[in-house]
Amino acid sequence: MNKESRRAAALELLKARGIPANEAAPHFHRLLWRCGIDVPPPHFASFRFNVAFIGGFSGVGWGLIMWLFVWQRQSMPVFLAVAIAALFGVAMGLVMASICRHTARAAQIPSWREFGK
């Protein structure tokens, strides 16, 4: 099974199990898929992958926005801004990974490694 058909089958399974399309395939995941980067849908990914992936991109994105529009004008030290953005990213990653894991368990979603074999 190639990666496109595997991903399509995974999204169909998520849909059949009642997981909304925006949760099954968030916008950032779709963007990466269009760019040819193969990441599993969040409900199929491991807890650690979701913490790192969601937390990393959330922390960096939120940190940049806060730096450009708020912290730079307040003359916040860069190291403090990075630390706050990192804490935000870790918190966001943990919360979202927990939600994905809980939803996947409730819907009996297999891991990405087990899926499509």
N, C-alpha and C. Protein backbone atom coordinates (compact mmCIF):
# COMPACT_ATOMS: atom_id res chain seq x y z
N MET A 1 0.86 -1.18 0.00
CA MET A 1 0.00 0.00 0.00
C MET A 1 0.90 1.24 0.00
N ASN A 2 0.70 2.14 -0.98
CA ASN A 2 1.53 3.35 -1.01
C ASN A 2 1.02 4.36 0.02
N LYS A 3 1.82 5.42 0.22
CA LYS A 3 1.49 6.34 1.31
C LYS A 3 0.18 7.10 1.09
N GLU A 4 -0.16 7.43 -0.15
CA GLU A 4 -1.41 8.15 -0.40
C GLU A 4 -2.63 7.28 -0.13
N SER A 5 -2.58 6.03 -0.59
CA SER A 5 -3.73 5.15 -0.36
C SER A 5 -3.82 4.76 1.12
N ARG A 6 -2.68 4.61 1.78
CA ARG A 6 -2.68 4.32 3.22
C ARG A 6 -3.30 5.47 3.99
N ARG A 7 -2.91 6.70 3.64
CA ARG A 7 -3.45 7.89 4.30
C ARG A 7 -4.95 8.01 4.04
N ALA A 8 -5.38 7.76 2.80
CA ALA A 8 -6.81 7.84 2.46
C ALA A 8 -7.61 6.80 3.25
N ALA A 9 -7.06 5.58 3.36
CA ALA A 9 -7.74 4.53 4.12
C ALA A 9 -7.81 4.91 5.60
N ALA A 10 -6.74 5.52 6.11
CA ALA A 10 -6.73 5.95 7.52
C ALA A 10 -7.78 7.02 7.76
N LEU A 11 -7.89 7.98 6.86
CA LEU A 11 -8.88 9.04 7.02
C LEU A 11 -10.30 8.50 6.90
N GLU A 12 -10.49 7.50 6.05
CA GLU A 12 -11.81 6.86 5.96
C GLU A 12 -12.16 6.13 7.25
N LEU A 13 -11.18 5.45 7.85
CA LEU A 13 -11.41 4.78 9.13
C LEU A 13 -11.78 5.79 10.21
N LEU A 14 -11.06 6.89 10.26
CA LEU A 14 -11.37 7.93 11.25
C LEU A 14 -12.77 8.48 11.05
N LYS A 15 -13.13 8.71 9.80
CA LYS A 15 -14.48 9.20 9.48
C LYS A 15 -15.54 8.19 9.91
N ALA A 16 -15.28 6.91 9.63
CA ALA A 16 -16.22 5.86 10.00
C ALA A 16 -16.37 5.72 11.51
N ARG A 17 -15.33 6.07 12.24
CA ARG A 17 -15.37 6.00 13.71
C ARG A 17 -15.90 7.27 14.35
N GLY A 18 -16.33 8.23 13.53
CA GLY A 18 -16.97 9.43 14.05
C GLY A 18 -16.04 10.59 14.40
N ILE A 19 -14.82 10.55 13.92
CA ILE A 19 -13.88 11.64 14.19
C ILE A 19 -14.02 12.67 13.07
N PRO A 20 -14.32 13.93 13.42
CA PRO A 20 -14.52 14.96 12.39
C PRO A 20 -13.29 15.15 11.50
N ALA A 21 -13.52 15.56 10.27
CA ALA A 21 -12.45 15.70 9.28
C ALA A 21 -11.37 16.67 9.73
N ASN A 22 -11.74 17.78 10.38
CA ASN A 22 -10.74 18.75 10.82
C ASN A 22 -9.86 18.21 11.94
N GLU A 23 -10.35 17.25 12.71
CA GLU A 23 -9.53 16.60 13.73
C GLU A 23 -8.70 15.48 13.13
N ALA A 24 -9.27 14.77 12.17
CA ALA A 24 -8.58 13.65 11.54
C ALA A 24 -7.41 14.13 10.69
N ALA A 25 -7.58 15.26 10.02
CA ALA A 25 -6.55 15.82 9.14
C ALA A 25 -6.48 17.33 9.34
N PRO A 26 -5.78 17.77 10.40
CA PRO A 26 -5.67 19.22 10.64
C PRO A 26 -5.00 19.93 9.46
N HIS A 27 -5.20 21.21 9.37
CA HIS A 27 -4.69 22.00 8.25
C HIS A 27 -3.18 21.85 8.06
N PHE A 28 -2.43 21.86 9.15
CA PHE A 28 -0.98 21.76 9.01
C PHE A 28 -0.56 20.40 8.48
N HIS A 29 -1.25 19.35 8.88
CA HIS A 29 -0.96 18.02 8.35
C HIS A 29 -1.23 18.00 6.84
N ARG A 30 -2.35 18.57 6.43
CA ARG A 30 -2.69 18.60 4.99
C ARG A 30 -1.64 19.37 4.20
N LEU A 31 -1.16 20.47 4.76
CA LEU A 31 -0.12 21.25 4.09
C LEU A 31 1.15 20.42 3.92
N LEU A 32 1.55 19.72 4.96
CA LEU A 32 2.74 18.88 4.86
C LEU A 32 2.54 17.76 3.84
N TRP A 33 1.35 17.17 3.80
CA TRP A 33 1.07 16.11 2.83
C TRP A 33 1.17 16.64 1.41
N ARG A 34 0.67 17.85 1.19
CA ARG A 34 0.75 18.45 -0.16
C ARG A 34 2.20 18.73 -0.55
N CYS A 35 3.04 19.01 0.44
CA CYS A 35 4.46 19.26 0.19
C CYS A 35 5.26 17.97 0.05
N GLY A 36 4.60 16.82 0.19
CA GLY A 36 5.26 15.54 0.04
C GLY A 36 5.87 15.00 1.32
N ILE A 37 5.57 15.63 2.46
CA ILE A 37 6.10 15.17 3.74
C ILE A 37 5.08 14.22 4.36
N ASP A 38 5.51 13.00 4.61
CA ASP A 38 4.60 11.96 5.07
C ASP A 38 4.61 11.89 6.60
N VAL A 39 3.60 12.47 7.21
CA VAL A 39 3.39 12.35 8.65
C VAL A 39 2.05 11.65 8.86
N PRO A 40 1.96 10.83 9.90
CA PRO A 40 0.69 10.14 10.13
C PRO A 40 -0.39 11.09 10.63
N PRO A 41 -1.66 10.77 10.37
CA PRO A 41 -2.73 11.56 10.98
C PRO A 41 -2.55 11.52 12.51
N PRO A 42 -2.91 12.58 13.21
CA PRO A 42 -2.61 12.65 14.65
C PRO A 42 -3.15 11.51 15.50
N HIS A 43 -4.28 10.94 15.14
CA HIS A 43 -4.85 9.86 15.94
C HIS A 43 -4.10 8.54 15.76
N PHE A 44 -3.33 8.43 14.70
CA PHE A 44 -2.54 7.22 14.46
C PHE A 44 -1.12 7.36 14.99
N ALA A 45 -0.68 8.59 15.23
CA ALA A 45 0.69 8.84 15.67
C ALA A 45 0.86 8.49 17.15
N SER A 46 2.11 8.28 17.53
CA SER A 46 2.39 7.98 18.93
C SER A 46 2.25 9.24 19.78
N PHE A 47 2.10 9.03 21.07
CA PHE A 47 1.97 10.15 22.00
C PHE A 47 3.20 11.05 21.91
N ARG A 48 4.39 10.46 21.92
CA ARG A 48 5.63 11.26 21.86
C ARG A 48 5.74 12.04 20.56
N PHE A 49 5.37 11.41 19.45
CA PHE A 49 5.42 12.12 18.18
C PHE A 49 4.49 13.33 18.21
N ASN A 50 3.27 13.15 18.71
CA ASN A 50 2.31 14.26 18.76
C ASN A 50 2.79 15.37 19.69
N VAL A 51 3.38 15.02 20.83
CA VAL A 51 3.91 16.05 21.73
C VAL A 51 4.97 16.87 21.00
N ALA A 52 5.92 16.17 20.37
CA ALA A 52 7.00 16.87 19.68
C ALA A 52 6.50 17.66 18.47
N PHE A 53 5.66 17.04 17.66
CA PHE A 53 5.18 17.66 16.43
C PHE A 53 4.27 18.85 16.72
N ILE A 54 3.22 18.59 17.48
CA ILE A 54 2.25 19.66 17.76
C ILE A 54 2.89 20.72 18.66
N GLY A 55 3.58 20.28 19.69
CA GLY A 55 4.23 21.22 20.61
C GLY A 55 5.31 22.05 19.94
N GLY A 56 6.10 21.41 19.10
CA GLY A 56 7.18 22.13 18.41
C GLY A 56 6.65 23.23 17.51
N PHE A 57 5.71 22.87 16.66
CA PHE A 57 5.17 23.87 15.74
C PHE A 57 4.32 24.92 16.45
N SER A 58 3.60 24.52 17.48
CA SER A 58 2.80 25.49 18.24
C SER A 58 3.69 26.48 18.97
N GLY A 59 4.73 25.96 19.63
CA GLY A 59 5.64 26.84 20.37
C GLY A 59 6.36 27.82 19.47
N VAL A 60 6.86 27.32 18.35
CA VAL A 60 7.58 28.19 17.41
C VAL A 60 6.63 29.22 16.80
N GLY A 61 5.48 28.76 16.32
CA GLY A 61 4.52 29.68 15.69
C GLY A 61 4.00 30.73 16.65
N TRP A 62 3.56 30.29 17.82
CA TRP A 62 3.04 31.24 18.82
C TRP A 62 4.14 32.18 19.29
N GLY A 63 5.33 31.63 19.51
CA GLY A 63 6.45 32.46 19.94
C GLY A 63 6.80 33.54 18.94
N LEU A 64 6.81 33.19 17.65
CA LEU A 64 7.10 34.20 16.62
C LEU A 64 6.04 35.28 16.56
N ILE A 65 4.80 34.87 16.64
CA ILE A 65 3.71 35.85 16.61
C ILE A 65 3.80 36.78 17.82
N MET A 66 4.01 36.19 18.99
CA MET A 66 4.13 37.02 20.20
C MET A 66 5.33 37.95 20.13
N TRP A 67 6.45 37.46 19.59
CA TRP A 67 7.64 38.30 19.48
C TRP A 67 7.40 39.48 18.54
N LEU A 68 6.78 39.19 17.39
CA LEU A 68 6.56 40.24 16.40
C LEU A 68 5.56 41.30 16.86
N PHE A 69 4.52 40.88 17.56
CA PHE A 69 3.45 41.81 17.89
C PHE A 69 3.43 42.31 19.33
N VAL A 70 4.10 41.64 20.24
CA VAL A 70 4.01 42.04 21.65
C VAL A 70 5.37 42.17 22.31
N TRP A 71 6.10 41.08 22.40
CA TRP A 71 7.30 41.04 23.23
C TRP A 71 8.41 41.96 22.75
N GLN A 72 8.57 42.08 21.45
CA GLN A 72 9.62 42.95 20.91
C GLN A 72 9.37 44.40 21.31
N ARG A 73 8.12 44.81 21.27
CA ARG A 73 7.76 46.18 21.65
C ARG A 73 7.93 46.42 23.14
N GLN A 74 7.84 45.34 23.91
CA GLN A 74 8.02 45.45 25.36
C GLN A 74 9.48 45.29 25.77
N SER A 75 10.35 45.15 24.80
CA SER A 75 11.78 44.94 25.03
C SER A 75 12.06 43.73 25.91
N MET A 76 11.32 42.67 25.67
CA MET A 76 11.53 41.42 26.41
C MET A 76 12.84 40.79 25.97
N PRO A 77 13.65 40.31 26.89
CA PRO A 77 14.88 39.61 26.51
C PRO A 77 14.57 38.37 25.67
N VAL A 78 15.39 38.12 24.69
CA VAL A 78 15.16 37.01 23.77
C VAL A 78 15.13 35.67 24.51
N PHE A 79 16.04 35.46 25.46
CA PHE A 79 16.07 34.18 26.16
C PHE A 79 14.78 33.94 26.93
N LEU A 80 14.17 35.00 27.46
CA LEU A 80 12.91 34.86 28.18
C LEU A 80 11.77 34.52 27.21
N ALA A 81 11.78 35.18 26.06
CA ALA A 81 10.77 34.90 25.04
C ALA A 81 10.87 33.46 24.56
N VAL A 82 12.08 32.98 24.35
CA VAL A 82 12.28 31.59 23.90
C VAL A 82 11.81 30.62 24.98
N ALA A 83 12.13 30.92 26.24
CA ALA A 83 11.71 30.05 27.34
C ALA A 83 10.19 29.98 27.46
N ILE A 84 9.53 31.11 27.36
CA ILE A 84 8.07 31.14 27.46
C ILE A 84 7.45 30.40 26.28
N ALA A 85 7.97 30.61 25.07
CA ALA A 85 7.45 29.92 23.89
C ALA A 85 7.67 28.41 24.01
N ALA A 86 8.81 28.00 24.56
CA ALA A 86 9.08 26.57 24.75
C ALA A 86 8.11 25.97 25.76
N LEU A 87 7.86 26.67 26.85
CA LEU A 87 6.89 26.18 27.84
C LEU A 87 5.50 26.07 27.24
N PHE A 88 5.12 27.07 26.45
CA PHE A 88 3.83 27.02 25.77
C PHE A 88 3.76 25.81 24.84
N GLY A 89 4.83 25.59 24.07
CA GLY A 89 4.86 24.47 23.15
C GLY A 89 4.74 23.13 23.86
N VAL A 90 5.46 22.98 24.96
CA VAL A 90 5.38 21.72 25.73
C VAL A 90 3.97 21.52 26.26
N ALA A 91 3.39 22.57 26.83
CA ALA A 91 2.03 22.46 27.37
C ALA A 91 1.02 22.14 26.27
N MET A 92 1.11 22.84 25.16
CA MET A 92 0.18 22.60 24.05
C MET A 92 0.37 21.19 23.50
N GLY A 93 1.61 20.76 23.35
CA GLY A 93 1.88 19.42 22.85
C GLY A 93 1.32 18.34 23.77
N LEU A 94 1.52 18.50 25.08
CA LEU A 94 1.00 17.52 26.03
C LEU A 94 -0.52 17.46 26.03
N VAL A 95 -1.15 18.62 26.00
CA VAL A 95 -2.62 18.65 26.01
C VAL A 95 -3.19 18.04 24.73
N MET A 96 -2.68 18.46 23.58
CA MET A 96 -3.22 17.96 22.32
C MET A 96 -2.89 16.48 22.10
N ALA A 97 -1.71 16.05 22.49
CA ALA A 97 -1.37 14.63 22.37
C ALA A 97 -2.25 13.79 23.28
N SER A 98 -2.58 14.30 24.46
CA SER A 98 -3.48 13.58 25.37
C SER A 98 -4.87 13.46 24.78
N ILE A 99 -5.35 14.53 24.18
CA ILE A 99 -6.67 14.51 23.55
C ILE A 99 -6.69 13.51 22.39
N CYS A 100 -5.66 13.55 21.55
CA CYS A 100 -5.59 12.62 20.42
C CYS A 100 -5.53 11.18 20.90
N ARG A 101 -4.71 10.91 21.92
CA ARG A 101 -4.58 9.54 22.43
C ARG A 101 -5.89 9.06 23.04
N HIS A 102 -6.56 9.91 23.80
CA HIS A 102 -7.84 9.53 24.41
C HIS A 102 -8.88 9.23 23.33
N THR A 103 -8.97 10.10 22.34
CA THR A 103 -9.94 9.90 21.26
C THR A 103 -9.62 8.63 20.47
N ALA A 104 -8.33 8.39 20.20
CA ALA A 104 -7.93 7.21 19.44
C ALA A 104 -8.26 5.93 20.21
N ARG A 105 -8.02 5.94 21.50
CA ARG A 105 -8.35 4.75 22.31
C ARG A 105 -9.85 4.50 22.34
N ALA A 106 -10.61 5.57 22.52
CA ALA A 106 -12.07 5.43 22.57
C ALA A 106 -12.63 4.91 21.25
N ALA A 107 -12.00 5.33 20.14
CA ALA A 107 -12.47 4.90 18.81
C ALA A 107 -11.76 3.64 18.33
N GLN A 108 -10.89 3.08 19.15
CA GLN A 108 -10.13 1.86 18.84
C GLN A 108 -9.34 2.01 17.53
N ILE A 109 -8.55 3.08 17.46
CA ILE A 109 -7.71 3.36 16.30
C ILE A 109 -6.36 2.68 16.52
N PRO A 110 -5.88 1.89 15.56
CA PRO A 110 -4.57 1.24 15.73
C PRO A 110 -3.43 2.24 15.55
N SER A 111 -2.24 1.83 15.92
CA SER A 111 -1.07 2.69 15.70
C SER A 111 -0.77 2.73 14.20
N TRP A 112 0.00 3.70 13.78
CA TRP A 112 0.35 3.85 12.37
C TRP A 112 1.15 2.65 11.87
N ARG A 113 1.98 2.08 12.74
CA ARG A 113 2.77 0.90 12.37
C ARG A 113 1.87 -0.30 12.09
N GLU A 114 0.82 -0.45 12.88
CA GLU A 114 -0.08 -1.59 12.72
C GLU A 114 -1.05 -1.41 11.56
N PHE A 115 -1.32 -0.17 11.20
CA PHE A 115 -2.33 0.13 10.19
C PHE A 115 -1.78 -0.14 8.79
N GLY A 116 -2.58 -0.79 7.97
CA GLY A 116 -2.25 -0.96 6.56
C GLY A 116 -1.28 -2.08 6.27
N LYS A 117 -1.07 -2.96 7.24
CA LYS A 117 -0.17 -4.10 6.98
C LYS A 117 -0.91 -5.21 6.28
